[in-house]
Amino acid sequence: MLPLLLVGYLGMKFRKWRISKNDAMPAEKNSHKKLWLIGLAAFILLFAIIAIANYLGNSQKTGEAGKPVIPKIDMHEHFRAGGDARYFLVAMAAAGIKKMVIVPTDWPPSNPKYKENLTAALEVKNKYPDKFIVFATAWNKDPDAAKIIEDAVKNGAGGMKFIDWLSSKKYPNEAGPVDSDNMYKVYEVAREYKVPVLMHIDFQKKPEWKAQFEKVAADFPDVTFILAHYCRAASGKTPQLSLCAQTLDKFPNVYTDISMGGGLNRYRGYFDKSEASAKKFRDFIIKYQDRILWGADIVLDGKIRDGVEKNPAWIFKRMATDFFILEHGKYLNLLHPEDKIIHRSLDLPDEVLQKIYWENPKKVLGI
């Protein structure tokens, strides 16, 4: 059933091609053609969604033995100018995702295209207001960062995202300190409008960022902060989840997301390394089940990288890989069928999944 998502994707491509081909036809004839092709594409997409939803319901732990599939709110995806939000919508319908947070952040240096991406993301939110929530972004050092964020919130953004990892040998101080005066103005916006702040910040790579952030969390106790990717305390060869745990223990206004994104292979390696290693992650999630959110951390920008186009079928398989990792004890690599290894996963209890997928996101987003 899974390949039927590809049928939906091809249906969209076919519709674009036919409409382009018929642009030169007489207006009335072309109009009838367009309506017919739109109807055909809609039918193909609906068929694909129903088929793949049935596949997922029969394969997810929460859909077996008559149990209801847990609804989900996806708290961490990237959308950039050039991406097609309908790809997300098809995969969301298949995966039982009711809402999705999209962030428009760009790569270093200086988060260069974030304004263009932010405009595109807000357009998507306005087109599909019941499906997408935008976390606005700005370059941390931009003197107008607070105004940019405030304007975005006034135009429909439901939160903000900052990439404090903008640091490398080439750009060692690109992001600046998390507790800078400029960033404090941004946090004031979050406090005034009661919206959450998602931060990509690496406690393991940059210990000073942990101290800076904890100062911020203490100064803004009524702002909800989300630290992405286990607070990036799983970024090295040896994960140090204790760093994230320390902050969660100190500050009730701090959450973490367990999105794996480009680090999927790294996390898979942690889980496969040994039962003890996988247990460390499982125990962490269970202990902090009221403070953990899920997202797949996919970047949708319309570009092909390493020969991979992120069409609806690919997006769904990427998300489903997360579901298998969280919900089962073992799984096969959906993205690479040639990988015959049976991988170790976390087999989390249903009550924990209910919180991660649904209850915690609703609380953070105020819905």
Protein backbone atom coordinates (compact mmCIF):
# COMPACT_ATOMS: atom_id res chain seq x y z
CA MET A 1 0.00 0.00 0.00
CA LEU A 2 2.85 2.40 0.79
CA PRO A 3 3.75 3.11 -2.88
CA LEU A 4 0.27 4.58 -3.39
CA LEU A 5 1.51 7.80 -1.81
CA LEU A 6 3.76 8.06 -4.82
CA VAL A 7 0.65 7.81 -7.01
CA GLY A 8 -0.74 10.88 -5.27
CA TYR A 9 2.52 12.73 -5.85
CA LEU A 10 2.55 11.76 -9.53
CA GLY A 11 -1.06 12.92 -9.78
CA MET A 12 -0.01 16.41 -8.69
CA LYS A 13 2.89 16.39 -11.14
CA PHE A 14 0.58 15.20 -13.94
CA ARG A 15 -1.92 17.94 -13.21
CA LYS A 16 0.81 20.62 -13.40
CA TRP A 17 2.10 19.21 -16.70
CA ARG A 18 -1.31 18.96 -18.36
CA ILE A 19 -2.40 22.43 -17.35
CA SER A 20 0.87 23.88 -18.63
CA LYS A 21 0.50 21.94 -21.89
CA ASN A 22 -3.03 23.21 -22.45
CA ASP A 23 -2.38 26.88 -21.69
CA ALA A 24 -2.60 27.69 -25.38
CA MET A 25 -6.07 26.07 -25.82
CA PRO A 26 -9.25 28.15 -26.15
CA ALA A 27 -10.35 29.44 -22.76
CA GLU A 28 -13.61 27.44 -22.45
CA LYS A 29 -12.05 24.14 -23.56
CA ASN A 30 -9.03 24.71 -21.38
CA SER A 31 -11.29 25.46 -18.39
CA HIS A 32 -13.13 22.14 -18.81
CA LYS A 33 -9.80 20.34 -19.13
CA LYS A 34 -8.50 21.95 -15.95
CA LEU A 35 -11.61 21.04 -13.96
CA TRP A 36 -11.44 17.43 -15.16
CA LEU A 37 -7.76 17.13 -14.34
CA ILE A 38 -8.20 18.71 -10.91
CA GLY A 39 -10.96 16.21 -10.15
CA LEU A 40 -8.79 13.32 -11.31
CA ALA A 41 -5.84 14.51 -9.21
CA ALA A 42 -8.10 14.90 -6.16
CA PHE A 43 -9.45 11.36 -6.63
CA ILE A 44 -5.94 9.91 -6.90
CA LEU A 45 -4.80 11.79 -3.80
CA LEU A 46 -7.85 10.70 -1.80
CA PHE A 47 -7.30 7.08 -2.82
CA ALA A 48 -3.65 7.29 -1.81
CA ILE A 49 -4.48 8.85 1.55
CA ILE A 50 -7.08 6.22 2.42
CA ALA A 51 -4.79 3.38 1.40
CA ILE A 52 -1.77 4.64 3.27
CA ALA A 53 -3.77 5.53 6.38
CA ASN A 54 -5.02 1.95 6.41
CA TYR A 55 -1.43 0.74 6.07
CA LEU A 56 -0.28 2.89 8.96
CA GLY A 57 -3.20 1.91 11.17
CA ASN A 58 -2.36 -1.75 10.71
CA SER A 59 1.35 -1.31 11.33
CA GLN A 60 1.53 1.21 14.17
CA LYS A 61 1.58 -0.19 17.65
CA THR A 62 -1.23 2.16 18.61
CA GLY A 63 -3.39 0.86 15.78
CA GLU A 64 -3.09 -2.84 16.52
CA ALA A 65 -5.44 -5.12 18.42
CA GLY A 66 -8.34 -2.73 18.00
CA LYS A 67 -6.60 0.16 19.75
CA PRO A 68 -7.28 3.64 18.35
CA VAL A 69 -4.41 5.35 16.56
CA ILE A 70 -3.17 8.25 18.68
CA PRO A 71 -3.67 11.63 16.97
CA LYS A 72 -0.54 13.71 16.60
CA ILE A 73 0.67 17.28 16.51
CA ASP A 74 4.02 17.51 14.74
CA MET A 75 6.09 20.12 16.57
CA HIS A 76 9.16 20.45 14.36
CA GLU A 77 9.32 20.66 10.57
CA HIS A 78 11.04 23.13 8.25
CA PHE A 79 9.36 24.90 5.34
CA ARG A 80 11.24 27.14 2.95
CA ALA A 81 10.41 29.10 -0.17
CA GLY A 82 10.20 26.64 -3.07
CA GLY A 83 8.60 23.88 -1.01
CA ASP A 84 5.11 22.52 -1.73
CA ALA A 85 3.06 22.36 1.48
CA ARG A 86 0.66 19.88 -0.14
CA TYR A 87 3.39 17.27 0.19
CA PHE A 88 3.19 17.71 3.95
CA LEU A 89 -0.62 17.61 3.85
CA VAL A 90 -0.72 14.25 2.08
CA ALA A 91 1.75 12.71 4.53
CA MET A 92 -0.06 14.27 7.50
CA ALA A 93 -3.37 12.72 6.48
CA ALA A 94 -1.71 9.34 6.16
CA ALA A 95 0.10 9.60 9.49
CA GLY A 96 -2.78 10.90 11.60
CA ILE A 97 -1.13 14.29 12.12
CA LYS A 98 -3.76 16.93 12.87
CA LYS A 99 -1.49 19.98 12.97
CA MET A 100 2.12 20.74 12.11
CA VAL A 101 4.55 23.40 13.31
CA ILE A 102 6.67 24.72 10.44
CA VAL A 103 9.76 26.87 10.91
CA PRO A 104 11.39 28.99 8.17
CA THR A 105 14.99 28.96 9.41
CA ASP A 106 17.85 28.88 6.92
CA TRP A 107 21.51 27.82 7.04
CA PRO A 108 24.48 29.96 8.19
CA PRO A 109 25.82 32.50 7.75
CA SER A 110 23.31 34.87 9.27
CA ASN A 111 20.22 32.77 8.48
CA PRO A 112 20.26 34.55 5.07
CA LYS A 113 16.88 33.72 3.50
CA TYR A 114 14.76 33.67 6.63
CA LYS A 115 12.64 36.67 5.57
CA GLU A 116 11.77 35.04 2.25
CA ASN A 117 11.09 31.74 4.00
CA LEU A 118 9.02 33.43 6.71
CA THR A 119 6.81 35.07 4.10
CA ALA A 120 6.33 31.70 2.37
CA ALA A 121 5.50 29.95 5.65
CA LEU A 122 2.93 32.57 6.65
CA GLU A 123 1.29 32.22 3.24
CA VAL A 124 0.99 28.48 3.83
CA LYS A 125 -0.50 29.08 7.28
CA ASN A 126 -3.04 31.53 5.85
CA LYS A 127 -3.98 29.05 3.12
CA TYR A 128 -4.32 26.10 5.51
CA PRO A 129 -5.04 27.73 8.90
CA ASP A 130 -6.31 24.55 10.54
CA LYS A 131 -3.24 22.52 9.60
CA PHE A 132 -0.12 24.65 10.00
CA ILE A 133 1.35 26.71 12.83
CA VAL A 134 4.30 28.97 12.00
CA PHE A 135 7.16 29.53 14.42
CA ALA A 136 8.69 32.75 13.08
CA THR A 137 12.43 33.33 12.99
CA ALA A 138 15.03 36.07 12.63
CA TRP A 139 18.79 36.33 12.74
CA ASN A 140 19.76 36.53 16.40
CA LYS A 141 21.98 39.59 15.94
CA ASP A 142 19.54 41.58 13.79
CA PRO A 143 18.67 44.76 15.75
CA ASP A 144 15.15 44.45 14.32
CA ALA A 145 14.73 40.80 15.37
CA ALA A 146 12.11 41.56 18.02
CA LYS A 147 10.06 43.70 15.63
CA ILE A 148 10.28 41.06 12.89
CA ILE A 149 9.01 38.41 15.30
CA GLU A 150 6.27 40.65 16.69
CA ASP A 151 5.03 41.54 13.19
CA ALA A 152 4.97 37.84 12.29
CA VAL A 153 2.96 36.98 15.42
CA LYS A 154 0.49 39.74 14.57
CA ASN A 155 0.20 38.15 11.11
CA GLY A 156 -0.58 34.70 12.44
CA ALA A 157 2.63 33.11 13.73
CA GLY A 158 2.08 30.98 16.82
CA GLY A 159 5.63 30.85 18.17
CA MET A 160 9.27 31.51 17.30
CA LYS A 161 12.36 29.48 16.46
CA PHE A 162 16.02 30.45 16.78
CA ILE A 163 19.03 28.53 15.54
CA ASP A 164 21.62 29.22 18.17
CA TRP A 165 23.81 26.53 16.65
CA LEU A 166 25.03 29.01 14.01
CA SER A 167 28.62 28.37 14.97
CA SER A 168 31.50 26.81 13.09
CA LYS A 169 35.20 27.34 12.45
CA LYS A 170 34.26 29.64 9.59
CA TYR A 171 31.57 31.51 11.55
CA PRO A 172 32.54 31.09 15.23
CA ASN A 173 30.27 33.80 16.65
CA GLU A 174 27.50 33.87 14.09
CA ALA A 175 24.60 33.50 16.53
CA GLY A 176 25.94 35.45 19.46
CA PRO A 177 25.06 34.68 23.08
CA VAL A 178 21.60 33.38 23.92
CA ASP A 179 21.32 35.91 26.74
CA SER A 180 22.24 38.99 24.69
CA ASP A 181 20.29 42.24 25.09
CA ASN A 182 18.98 41.77 21.57
CA MET A 183 17.60 38.32 22.33
CA TYR A 184 16.05 39.55 25.58
CA LYS A 185 13.89 41.89 23.48
CA VAL A 186 12.73 38.82 21.54
CA TYR A 187 11.86 36.95 24.73
CA GLU A 188 9.83 39.97 25.84
CA VAL A 189 7.73 39.52 22.69
CA ALA A 190 7.21 35.87 23.58
CA ARG A 191 6.09 36.87 27.07
CA GLU A 192 3.74 39.61 25.84
CA TYR A 193 2.03 37.44 23.22
CA LYS A 194 2.23 34.18 25.21
CA VAL A 195 3.88 32.17 22.45
CA PRO A 196 6.53 29.43 22.85
CA VAL A 197 10.18 29.72 21.87
CA LEU A 198 11.84 26.78 20.08
CA MET A 199 15.64 26.85 20.22
CA HIS A 200 18.26 24.74 18.48
CA ILE A 201 21.02 24.95 21.07
CA ASP A 202 23.80 22.45 21.72
CA PHE A 203 24.49 21.85 25.41
CA GLN A 204 27.02 19.16 24.63
CA LYS A 205 29.04 21.04 22.03
CA LYS A 206 28.94 24.44 23.71
CA PRO A 207 28.69 24.17 27.52
CA GLU A 208 28.55 27.96 27.85
CA TRP A 209 25.24 27.95 25.99
CA LYS A 210 23.71 25.87 28.76
CA ALA A 211 24.59 28.49 31.36
CA GLN A 212 23.36 31.30 29.10
CA PHE A 213 20.07 29.56 28.43
CA GLU A 214 19.43 28.73 32.08
CA LYS A 215 19.81 32.43 32.89
CA VAL A 216 17.17 33.18 30.25
CA ALA A 217 14.80 30.46 31.53
CA ALA A 218 15.12 31.87 35.05
CA ASP A 219 14.48 35.45 33.90
CA PHE A 220 11.42 34.45 31.83
CA PRO A 221 9.60 31.85 33.96
CA ASP A 222 6.28 32.55 32.23
CA VAL A 223 7.66 31.83 28.73
CA THR A 224 7.58 28.26 27.44
CA PHE A 225 10.91 27.21 25.91
CA ILE A 226 11.42 24.12 23.75
CA LEU A 227 14.99 22.86 23.36
CA ALA A 228 15.26 20.86 20.15
CA HIS A 229 16.87 17.45 19.70
CA TYR A 230 17.23 16.36 23.34
CA CYS A 231 18.71 19.83 24.06
CA ARG A 232 21.36 18.62 21.59
CA ALA A 233 22.76 16.63 24.49
CA ALA A 234 22.99 13.70 22.10
CA SER A 235 25.23 15.32 19.52
CA GLY A 236 28.54 13.58 20.14
CA LYS A 237 29.82 10.04 20.12
CA THR A 238 28.64 9.59 23.70
CA PRO A 239 25.21 11.12 24.43
CA GLN A 240 24.98 13.16 27.61
CA LEU A 241 21.26 13.21 28.24
CA SER A 242 22.03 14.20 31.82
CA LEU A 243 22.75 17.73 30.57
CA CYS A 244 19.21 18.04 29.27
CA ALA A 245 17.82 16.37 32.39
CA GLN A 246 19.54 18.94 34.61
CA THR A 247 17.79 21.80 32.84
CA LEU A 248 14.40 20.08 32.80
CA ASP A 249 14.73 19.44 36.52
CA LYS A 250 15.48 23.10 37.23
CA PHE A 251 12.90 24.80 35.02
CA PRO A 252 9.24 23.72 34.69
CA ASN A 253 8.82 26.11 31.75
CA VAL A 254 11.30 24.14 29.60
CA TYR A 255 10.41 21.28 27.24
CA THR A 256 12.55 19.31 24.81
CA ASP A 257 11.69 17.76 21.47
CA ILE A 258 13.09 14.43 20.33
CA SER A 259 13.15 15.23 16.62
CA MET A 260 15.96 13.39 14.87
CA GLY A 261 16.05 15.08 11.48
CA GLY A 262 19.45 14.92 9.81
CA GLY A 263 20.67 13.03 12.86
CA LEU A 264 18.45 10.00 12.22
CA ASN A 265 21.40 7.74 11.44
CA ARG A 266 23.23 8.96 14.54
CA TYR A 267 20.28 8.21 16.81
CA ARG A 268 19.79 4.85 15.13
CA GLY A 269 23.42 4.14 15.97
CA TYR A 270 22.81 5.04 19.61
CA PHE A 271 19.87 2.65 19.80
CA ASP A 272 21.63 -0.16 17.93
CA LYS A 273 24.82 0.18 19.95
CA SER A 274 23.50 -1.86 22.86
CA GLU A 275 20.38 -2.54 24.86
CA ALA A 276 21.84 -0.36 27.60
CA SER A 277 22.24 2.57 25.22
CA ALA A 278 18.68 2.28 23.93
CA LYS A 279 17.44 1.92 27.50
CA LYS A 280 19.12 5.21 28.41
CA PHE A 281 16.99 7.04 25.82
CA ARG A 282 13.86 5.10 26.74
CA ASP A 283 14.28 5.84 30.44
CA PHE A 284 14.87 9.53 29.70
CA ILE A 285 11.67 9.80 27.65
CA ILE A 286 9.58 7.95 30.22
CA LYS A 287 10.93 10.04 33.11
CA TYR A 288 10.25 13.34 31.32
CA GLN A 289 7.13 12.21 29.44
CA ASP A 290 5.26 15.39 30.46
CA ARG A 291 7.96 17.62 28.95
CA ILE A 292 8.69 15.93 25.62
CA LEU A 293 7.41 16.74 22.12
CA TRP A 294 7.75 14.96 18.79
CA GLY A 295 8.62 16.17 15.29
CA ALA A 296 10.43 14.65 12.31
CA ASP A 297 12.58 17.73 11.49
CA ILE A 298 12.17 17.44 7.71
CA VAL A 299 13.35 20.34 5.54
CA LEU A 300 10.91 20.91 2.67
CA ASP A 301 12.32 23.36 0.13
CA GLY A 302 11.72 21.73 -3.25
CA LYS A 303 15.38 20.82 -3.70
CA ILE A 304 16.82 17.41 -4.50
CA ARG A 305 19.75 16.42 -2.30
CA ASP A 306 21.82 13.27 -2.70
CA GLY A 307 19.37 12.09 -5.33
CA VAL A 308 16.42 12.29 -2.91
CA GLU A 309 13.27 14.27 -3.68
CA LYS A 310 11.16 14.77 -0.58
CA ASN A 311 7.84 13.85 -2.14
CA PRO A 312 4.82 12.72 -0.07
CA ALA A 313 5.91 9.06 -0.11
CA TRP A 314 9.39 9.93 1.17
CA ILE A 315 8.00 12.28 3.84
CA PHE A 316 5.60 9.63 5.09
CA LYS A 317 8.30 6.96 5.24
CA ARG A 318 10.54 9.37 7.14
CA MET A 319 7.78 10.05 9.67
CA ALA A 320 6.82 6.37 9.90
CA THR A 321 10.44 5.54 10.73
CA ASP A 322 10.08 7.71 13.82
CA PHE A 323 6.82 6.00 14.74
CA PHE A 324 8.43 2.57 14.49
CA ILE A 325 11.41 3.73 16.57
CA LEU A 326 9.19 5.10 19.32
CA GLU A 327 6.42 2.50 19.29
CA HIS A 328 8.10 -0.82 18.58
CA GLY A 329 10.99 -2.85 19.96
CA LYS A 330 12.48 -3.54 16.52
CA TYR A 331 12.03 -2.16 13.02
CA LEU A 332 13.34 -2.18 9.45
CA ASN A 333 14.72 0.90 7.71
CA LEU A 334 11.82 2.18 5.58
CA LEU A 335 13.96 4.78 3.81
CA HIS A 336 16.54 2.23 2.66
CA PRO A 337 14.98 -1.17 1.85
CA GLU A 338 18.43 -2.47 0.94
CA ASP A 339 19.29 -2.19 4.64
CA LYS A 340 18.31 -5.65 5.88
CA ILE A 341 19.37 -5.03 9.48
CA ILE A 342 16.68 -5.31 12.14
CA HIS A 343 17.21 -2.15 14.18
CA ARG A 344 16.58 -1.71 17.89
CA SER A 345 13.92 0.78 18.97
CA LEU A 346 12.25 2.05 22.14
CA ASP A 347 8.83 0.36 22.51
CA LEU A 348 7.36 3.21 24.57
CA PRO A 349 4.12 2.68 26.55
CA ASP A 350 0.92 3.94 24.95
CA GLU A 351 0.30 6.44 27.76
CA VAL A 352 3.71 8.01 27.10
CA LEU A 353 3.06 8.19 23.35
CA GLN A 354 -0.29 9.87 24.03
CA LYS A 355 1.51 12.66 25.88
CA ILE A 356 4.37 13.07 23.39
CA TYR A 357 2.19 13.04 20.29
CA TRP A 358 -0.88 14.89 21.53
CA GLU A 359 -1.31 16.12 25.09
CA ASN A 360 2.01 17.95 25.53
CA PRO A 361 1.81 19.78 22.17
CA LYS A 362 -1.73 20.94 22.93
CA LYS A 363 -0.56 22.32 26.27
CA VAL A 364 2.46 24.11 24.78
CA LEU A 365 0.44 25.59 21.92
CA GLY A 366 -2.53 26.49 24.11
CA ILE A 367 -5.08 24.59 22.03
